[in-house]
Amino acid sequence: MLGRTGRSVSVIGLGTWQLGADWGDVREEDALGVLRAAYDTGVRFFDTADVYGDGRSERLIGAFLRELGDHDVMVATKAGRRMPQVPEHYTLENLRAWTDRSRENLRVERLDLVQLHCPPSAVYESDAVFDALDVLVDEGRVASYGVSVETRAEALAAIARPNVASVQLILNMLRLAPLEAVLPAAAEANVGIIVRVPLASGLLSGKYDERTTFSEDDHRSYNREGKAFDIGETFAGVPFETGLEAVRRLAPLVPEGATMAQFALRWIIDQPGVSTVIPGARNVEQTRGNAAAAALAPLSSDALAGVEAIYDELIAPLVADRW
């Protein structure tokens, strides 16, 4: 169940940033193949945003939903980053325009869930912003709303808002800090937790090494120092070489028959309070592999303790206090 939305969702969802932009080019037919494969493997929660490819991701999902006809899919989109990031832009007029554009892209009358897309911290203090979101619900444009956040403080501020249905945040084996305060607070308030960047931009797939390169239009090339957006969105803010070392140490903990990526996703599913995790995928094989993580047995206490030990030694000194 996804918090105050009252909707049941699959524990493995699909993040569709890859299908829009910033991860290299993905052809339309390949993108639709990913969406179809996700649905066929039981995925019923799709996450997108109005800025992913300037609406391309939303439009692809819209075409896929039309192809499905009657369906049980929940689609979450995000809004707010189509304008410079100042609190004054988060007005009812702009929120209405942003959500209307997403409704058109997705070809729906009402958005299942709209999330503020990592807004400026001051937005969380604005009653007017959340009053405006309530208006969109009253008008029938939006069924529920949530917030996608960068920091623990922002997550806790969002959870404290009475009508916030969900919080989307970064949580993975290289980003453990939300476990201590955020997830328990969300569970107590009946706020759903959507986990993004679960594989640390692919680091936790176990497929990269020091020789790996990325295309110039891939954020893993141009945002390693946070030049385009929050550095925490790229490799979870962990230096690439440090992340590779962590993955090497994590490898012996992977259950027999599972991949590193499936191990990383299963670790997230096992955290109390997580509603759904939204790995991205560029092809059908990745999509099916990610979905299979839901069928793995819960991880052993030894594996969970091993993850924590590696995090404490290698990663916590670099990121624990920042996000």
Protein backbone atom coordinates (compact mmCIF):
# COMPACT_ATOMS: atom_id res chain seq x y z
CA MET A 1 0.00 0.00 0.00
CA LEU A 2 1.37 3.41 -0.94
CA GLY A 3 0.67 5.45 2.17
CA ARG A 4 -2.26 7.83 2.11
CA THR A 5 -3.00 7.13 -1.56
CA GLY A 6 -4.79 3.98 -0.44
CA ARG A 7 -3.48 2.27 -3.59
CA SER A 8 -1.74 -1.08 -3.70
CA VAL A 9 1.51 -1.00 -5.65
CA SER A 10 4.10 -3.57 -6.66
CA VAL A 11 7.17 -3.66 -4.43
CA ILE A 12 9.30 -3.33 -7.55
CA GLY A 13 8.26 -0.40 -9.70
CA LEU A 14 9.91 1.20 -12.71
CA GLY A 15 11.71 4.52 -12.80
CA THR A 16 11.60 6.05 -16.27
CA TRP A 17 14.25 8.78 -16.20
CA GLN A 18 16.30 6.56 -18.53
CA LEU A 19 13.48 6.58 -21.07
CA GLY A 20 13.43 10.36 -21.24
CA ALA A 21 16.96 11.75 -21.06
CA ASP A 22 20.33 12.01 -19.30
CA TRP A 23 21.29 8.33 -19.66
CA GLY A 24 22.22 8.26 -23.33
CA ASP A 25 19.77 7.69 -26.18
CA VAL A 26 16.98 5.12 -25.87
CA ARG A 27 14.93 4.51 -29.01
CA GLU A 28 11.14 4.79 -28.70
CA GLU A 29 10.51 1.14 -29.55
CA ASP A 30 13.12 0.07 -26.97
CA ALA A 31 11.48 2.30 -24.37
CA LEU A 32 8.05 0.81 -25.08
CA GLY A 33 9.63 -2.64 -24.85
CA VAL A 34 10.87 -1.80 -21.35
CA LEU A 35 7.40 -0.67 -20.30
CA ARG A 36 5.80 -3.81 -21.70
CA ALA A 37 8.36 -6.10 -20.07
CA ALA A 38 7.88 -4.36 -16.73
CA TYR A 39 4.12 -4.85 -16.87
CA ASP A 40 4.48 -8.48 -17.97
CA THR A 41 6.72 -9.20 -14.95
CA GLY A 42 4.25 -7.75 -12.46
CA VAL A 43 5.33 -4.11 -12.20
CA ARG A 44 2.31 -1.92 -11.48
CA PHE A 45 3.98 1.33 -10.38
CA PHE A 46 5.65 3.62 -12.91
CA ASP A 47 7.46 6.80 -11.90
CA THR A 48 8.19 9.66 -14.29
CA ALA A 49 8.56 13.45 -14.36
CA ASP A 50 7.60 16.30 -16.65
CA VAL A 51 11.27 17.17 -17.25
CA TYR A 52 12.44 13.71 -18.29
CA GLY A 53 13.18 14.42 -21.93
CA ASP A 54 10.94 17.51 -21.68
CA GLY A 55 7.91 15.24 -21.36
CA ARG A 56 9.13 12.37 -23.55
CA SER A 57 9.01 9.87 -20.68
CA GLU A 58 5.44 10.89 -19.82
CA ARG A 59 4.35 10.67 -23.44
CA LEU A 60 5.82 7.19 -23.81
CA ILE A 61 3.95 6.03 -20.71
CA GLY A 62 0.79 7.67 -22.04
CA ALA A 63 1.12 5.72 -25.28
CA PHE A 64 1.72 2.52 -23.32
CA LEU A 65 -1.35 3.06 -21.13
CA ARG A 66 -3.46 3.60 -24.23
CA GLU A 67 -2.06 0.35 -25.62
CA LEU A 68 -3.04 -1.46 -22.41
CA GLY A 69 -6.59 -0.13 -22.30
CA ASP A 70 -8.17 -0.94 -18.93
CA HIS A 71 -5.34 -1.45 -16.48
CA ASP A 72 -4.30 -1.58 -12.84
CA VAL A 73 -1.17 0.56 -13.21
CA MET A 74 -0.40 3.51 -10.93
CA VAL A 75 1.62 6.30 -12.51
CA ALA A 76 3.44 8.90 -10.43
CA THR A 77 4.86 11.98 -12.06
CA LYS A 78 6.79 14.96 -10.73
CA ALA A 79 6.52 18.71 -11.25
CA GLY A 80 8.34 21.90 -10.43
CA ARG A 81 11.62 21.80 -12.29
CA ARG A 82 10.47 23.38 -15.52
CA MET A 83 11.31 26.80 -14.10
CA PRO A 84 14.23 28.24 -12.12
CA GLN A 85 14.20 26.81 -8.61
CA VAL A 86 12.93 29.65 -6.45
CA PRO A 87 10.06 29.21 -3.97
CA GLU A 88 8.06 32.02 -5.59
CA HIS A 89 7.44 29.86 -8.66
CA TYR A 90 5.47 27.28 -6.66
CA THR A 91 2.11 29.00 -7.13
CA LEU A 92 -1.32 27.54 -7.75
CA GLU A 93 -1.24 28.93 -11.30
CA ASN A 94 2.07 27.23 -12.10
CA LEU A 95 1.20 23.99 -10.35
CA ARG A 96 -2.05 23.86 -12.30
CA ALA A 97 -0.21 24.47 -15.57
CA TRP A 98 2.46 21.90 -14.83
CA THR A 99 -0.03 19.22 -13.88
CA ASP A 100 -2.27 20.00 -16.86
CA ARG A 101 0.69 19.47 -19.17
CA SER A 102 1.43 16.12 -17.50
CA ARG A 103 -2.22 15.10 -17.83
CA GLU A 104 -2.00 15.84 -21.54
CA ASN A 105 1.29 13.95 -21.94
CA LEU A 106 -0.03 10.93 -20.06
CA ARG A 107 -3.47 11.16 -21.72
CA VAL A 108 -5.35 10.98 -18.43
CA GLU A 109 -8.02 13.13 -16.83
CA ARG A 110 -6.55 12.84 -13.35
CA LEU A 111 -2.99 12.16 -12.25
CA ASP A 112 -2.67 9.26 -9.81
CA LEU A 113 0.14 10.95 -7.91
CA VAL A 114 2.02 14.18 -8.50
CA GLN A 115 5.20 14.84 -6.55
CA LEU A 116 7.01 18.13 -6.04
CA HIS A 117 10.31 17.46 -7.76
CA CYS A 118 13.02 18.13 -5.16
CA PRO A 119 11.85 21.72 -4.57
CA PRO A 120 13.83 24.40 -2.71
CA SER A 121 13.92 23.73 1.02
CA ALA A 122 11.84 26.85 1.73
CA VAL A 123 8.89 25.27 -0.11
CA TYR A 124 8.39 22.79 2.73
CA GLU A 125 7.63 25.70 5.06
CA SER A 126 5.00 27.25 2.77
CA ASP A 127 1.40 26.58 3.72
CA ALA A 128 0.36 28.22 0.42
CA VAL A 129 2.11 25.56 -1.65
CA PHE A 130 0.39 22.69 0.10
CA ASP A 131 -2.92 24.56 0.06
CA ALA A 132 -2.50 24.83 -3.73
CA LEU A 133 -1.91 21.10 -3.98
CA ASP A 134 -5.08 20.53 -1.99
CA VAL A 135 -6.92 22.68 -4.55
CA LEU A 136 -5.66 20.48 -7.38
CA VAL A 137 -7.04 17.46 -5.55
CA ASP A 138 -10.37 19.21 -5.00
CA GLU A 139 -10.51 20.12 -8.70
CA GLY A 140 -9.98 16.50 -9.70
CA ARG A 141 -6.72 17.15 -11.53
CA VAL A 142 -4.73 15.09 -9.03
CA ALA A 143 -5.75 12.11 -6.91
CA SER A 144 -2.90 12.41 -4.40
CA TYR A 145 0.33 14.32 -3.97
CA GLY A 146 3.75 13.77 -2.46
CA VAL A 147 7.26 15.14 -2.45
CA SER A 148 10.53 13.91 -3.91
CA VAL A 149 13.29 15.02 -1.54
CA GLU A 150 17.06 15.29 -1.35
CA THR A 151 17.66 15.36 2.42
CA ARG A 152 16.38 13.73 5.59
CA ALA A 153 15.26 17.11 6.93
CA GLU A 154 13.15 17.68 3.84
CA ALA A 155 11.65 14.21 4.14
CA LEU A 156 10.64 14.80 7.75
CA ALA A 157 9.15 18.20 6.87
CA ALA A 158 7.08 16.62 4.11
CA ILE A 159 5.92 13.77 6.34
CA ALA A 160 4.65 16.34 8.85
CA ARG A 161 2.26 17.80 6.25
CA PRO A 162 -1.19 16.27 6.84
CA ASN A 163 -2.11 15.50 3.22
CA VAL A 164 1.25 14.39 1.84
CA ALA A 165 0.67 10.84 0.64
CA SER A 166 4.22 9.81 -0.21
CA VAL A 167 7.87 10.75 0.01
CA GLN A 168 10.37 9.74 -2.62
CA LEU A 169 13.99 9.53 -1.51
CA ILE A 170 17.35 7.96 -2.22
CA LEU A 171 17.99 4.77 -0.27
CA ASN A 172 20.44 2.04 -1.15
CA MET A 173 23.35 0.10 0.29
CA LEU A 174 25.51 3.21 -0.13
CA ARG A 175 22.91 5.53 1.45
CA LEU A 176 21.66 4.17 4.79
CA ALA A 177 20.99 7.40 6.66
CA PRO A 178 17.19 7.51 6.05
CA LEU A 179 16.72 4.21 7.91
CA GLU A 180 17.12 5.69 11.37
CA ALA A 181 14.54 8.48 11.47
CA VAL A 182 12.76 8.93 8.14
CA LEU A 183 11.31 5.48 7.53
CA PRO A 184 9.90 5.09 11.07
CA ALA A 185 8.34 8.58 10.90
CA ALA A 186 6.75 7.80 7.54
CA ALA A 187 5.32 4.52 8.81
CA GLU A 188 3.83 6.22 11.85
CA ALA A 189 2.20 8.91 9.68
CA ASN A 190 1.00 6.45 7.00
CA VAL A 191 3.14 8.13 4.36
CA GLY A 192 4.36 5.89 1.55
CA ILE A 193 8.07 5.61 0.80
CA ILE A 194 9.18 5.46 -2.84
CA VAL A 195 12.86 4.59 -3.19
CA ARG A 196 14.83 6.00 -6.11
CA VAL A 197 18.49 5.54 -7.17
CA PRO A 198 18.39 2.02 -5.67
CA LEU A 199 21.42 0.87 -7.65
CA ALA A 200 23.42 4.07 -7.12
CA SER A 201 23.25 4.97 -10.82
CA GLY A 202 24.29 1.44 -11.74
CA LEU A 203 27.22 1.12 -9.35
CA LEU A 204 25.36 -1.57 -7.42
CA SER A 205 24.77 -3.59 -10.57
CA GLY A 206 28.33 -4.86 -10.16
CA LYS A 207 28.99 -4.33 -13.87
CA TYR A 208 31.34 -1.34 -13.68
CA ASP A 209 35.06 -1.06 -13.06
CA GLU A 210 37.77 1.60 -13.33
CA ARG A 211 37.74 1.30 -17.13
CA THR A 212 34.02 2.00 -17.50
CA THR A 213 33.14 5.15 -19.44
CA PHE A 214 29.80 6.87 -20.05
CA SER A 215 28.60 8.97 -22.97
CA GLU A 216 28.81 12.75 -22.78
CA ASP A 217 25.00 13.07 -22.51
CA ASP A 218 24.90 10.68 -19.54
CA HIS A 219 24.71 12.35 -16.11
CA ARG A 220 27.27 9.84 -14.86
CA SER A 221 29.75 11.76 -17.00
CA TYR A 222 28.69 15.37 -16.59
CA ASN A 223 27.29 15.46 -13.04
CA ARG A 224 29.97 13.69 -10.99
CA GLU A 225 30.76 16.99 -9.28
CA GLY A 226 27.14 18.17 -9.09
CA LYS A 227 27.45 20.69 -11.93
CA ALA A 228 23.94 20.05 -13.32
CA PHE A 229 21.90 19.01 -10.25
CA ASP A 230 22.38 17.60 -6.77
CA ILE A 231 25.44 15.37 -6.81
CA GLY A 232 23.57 12.89 -4.61
CA GLU A 233 21.55 11.84 -7.66
CA THR A 234 24.71 10.54 -9.38
CA PHE A 235 26.25 7.42 -7.81
CA ALA A 236 24.34 8.42 -4.61
CA GLY A 237 26.98 11.12 -4.09
CA VAL A 238 29.72 8.53 -3.52
CA PRO A 239 33.01 8.93 -5.43
CA PHE A 240 33.04 6.40 -8.25
CA GLU A 241 36.22 4.64 -7.14
CA THR A 242 34.98 4.33 -3.54
CA GLY A 243 31.72 2.88 -4.80
CA LEU A 244 33.59 0.28 -6.82
CA GLU A 245 35.52 -0.80 -3.73
CA ALA A 246 32.29 -1.07 -1.74
CA VAL A 247 30.76 -3.26 -4.43
CA ARG A 248 33.76 -5.57 -4.38
CA ARG A 249 33.33 -6.01 -0.64
CA LEU A 250 29.58 -6.53 -0.98
CA ALA A 251 29.95 -9.21 -3.65
CA PRO A 252 30.53 -12.14 -1.23
CA LEU A 253 27.21 -11.32 0.47
CA VAL A 254 25.14 -11.87 -2.69
CA PRO A 255 22.82 -14.89 -2.27
CA GLU A 256 23.48 -17.88 -4.49
CA GLY A 257 21.68 -17.55 -7.81
CA ALA A 258 21.10 -13.81 -7.49
CA THR A 259 22.84 -10.93 -9.22
CA MET A 260 24.39 -7.99 -7.42
CA ALA A 261 21.56 -5.77 -8.66
CA GLN A 262 18.91 -8.16 -7.36
CA PHE A 263 20.71 -8.33 -4.01
CA ALA A 264 20.71 -4.52 -3.82
CA LEU A 265 17.00 -4.34 -4.63
CA ARG A 266 16.12 -7.12 -2.17
CA TRP A 267 18.00 -5.23 0.54
CA ILE A 268 15.71 -2.23 -0.04
CA ILE A 269 12.53 -4.32 -0.10
CA ASP A 270 13.52 -5.78 3.27
CA GLN A 271 13.63 -2.36 4.95
CA PRO A 272 10.49 -1.75 7.06
CA GLY A 273 8.37 1.08 5.71
CA VAL A 274 9.41 0.89 2.05
CA SER A 275 6.37 0.88 -0.25
CA THR A 276 8.06 0.45 -3.63
CA VAL A 277 11.49 0.76 -5.19
CA ILE A 278 11.87 2.19 -8.69
CA PRO A 279 14.99 0.97 -10.52
CA GLY A 280 15.37 2.24 -14.04
CA ALA A 281 16.11 0.10 -17.07
CA ARG A 282 17.32 0.73 -20.61
CA ASN A 283 16.37 -2.67 -22.03
CA VAL A 284 14.10 -5.66 -21.51
CA GLU A 285 16.80 -7.81 -19.92
CA GLN A 286 17.47 -5.26 -17.17
CA THR A 287 13.75 -4.84 -16.60
CA ARG A 288 13.13 -8.54 -16.09
CA GLY A 289 16.20 -8.93 -13.91
CA ASN A 290 15.10 -6.12 -11.63
CA ALA A 291 11.56 -7.46 -11.29
CA ALA A 292 12.89 -10.89 -10.29
CA ALA A 293 14.33 -9.38 -7.09
CA ALA A 294 10.84 -9.44 -5.61
CA ALA A 295 10.88 -13.24 -5.62
CA LEU A 296 14.13 -13.57 -3.68
CA ALA A 297 13.95 -14.73 -0.08
CA PRO A 298 14.46 -12.04 2.57
CA LEU A 299 18.14 -11.49 3.27
CA SER A 300 19.83 -13.16 6.21
CA SER A 301 20.81 -11.23 9.32
CA ASP A 302 24.46 -11.87 8.44
CA ALA A 303 24.01 -10.25 5.03
CA LEU A 304 22.23 -7.25 6.52
CA ALA A 305 24.96 -6.82 9.12
CA GLY A 306 27.62 -7.12 6.44
CA VAL A 307 26.07 -4.33 4.39
CA GLU A 308 25.99 -2.07 7.43
CA ALA A 309 29.63 -2.79 8.29
CA ILE A 310 30.86 -1.95 4.80
CA TYR A 311 28.77 1.23 4.77
CA ASP A 312 30.08 2.32 8.16
CA GLU A 313 33.70 1.86 7.15
CA LEU A 314 33.77 3.12 3.56
CA ILE A 315 30.72 5.24 2.86
CA ALA A 316 29.35 6.87 6.01
CA PRO A 317 32.32 9.21 6.49
CA LEU A 318 31.65 10.64 2.99
CA VAL A 319 27.85 10.97 2.81
CA ALA A 320 26.11 10.23 6.12
CA ASP A 321 26.04 13.83 7.34
CA ARG A 322 25.20 15.35 3.97
CA TRP A 323 21.91 13.70 3.07
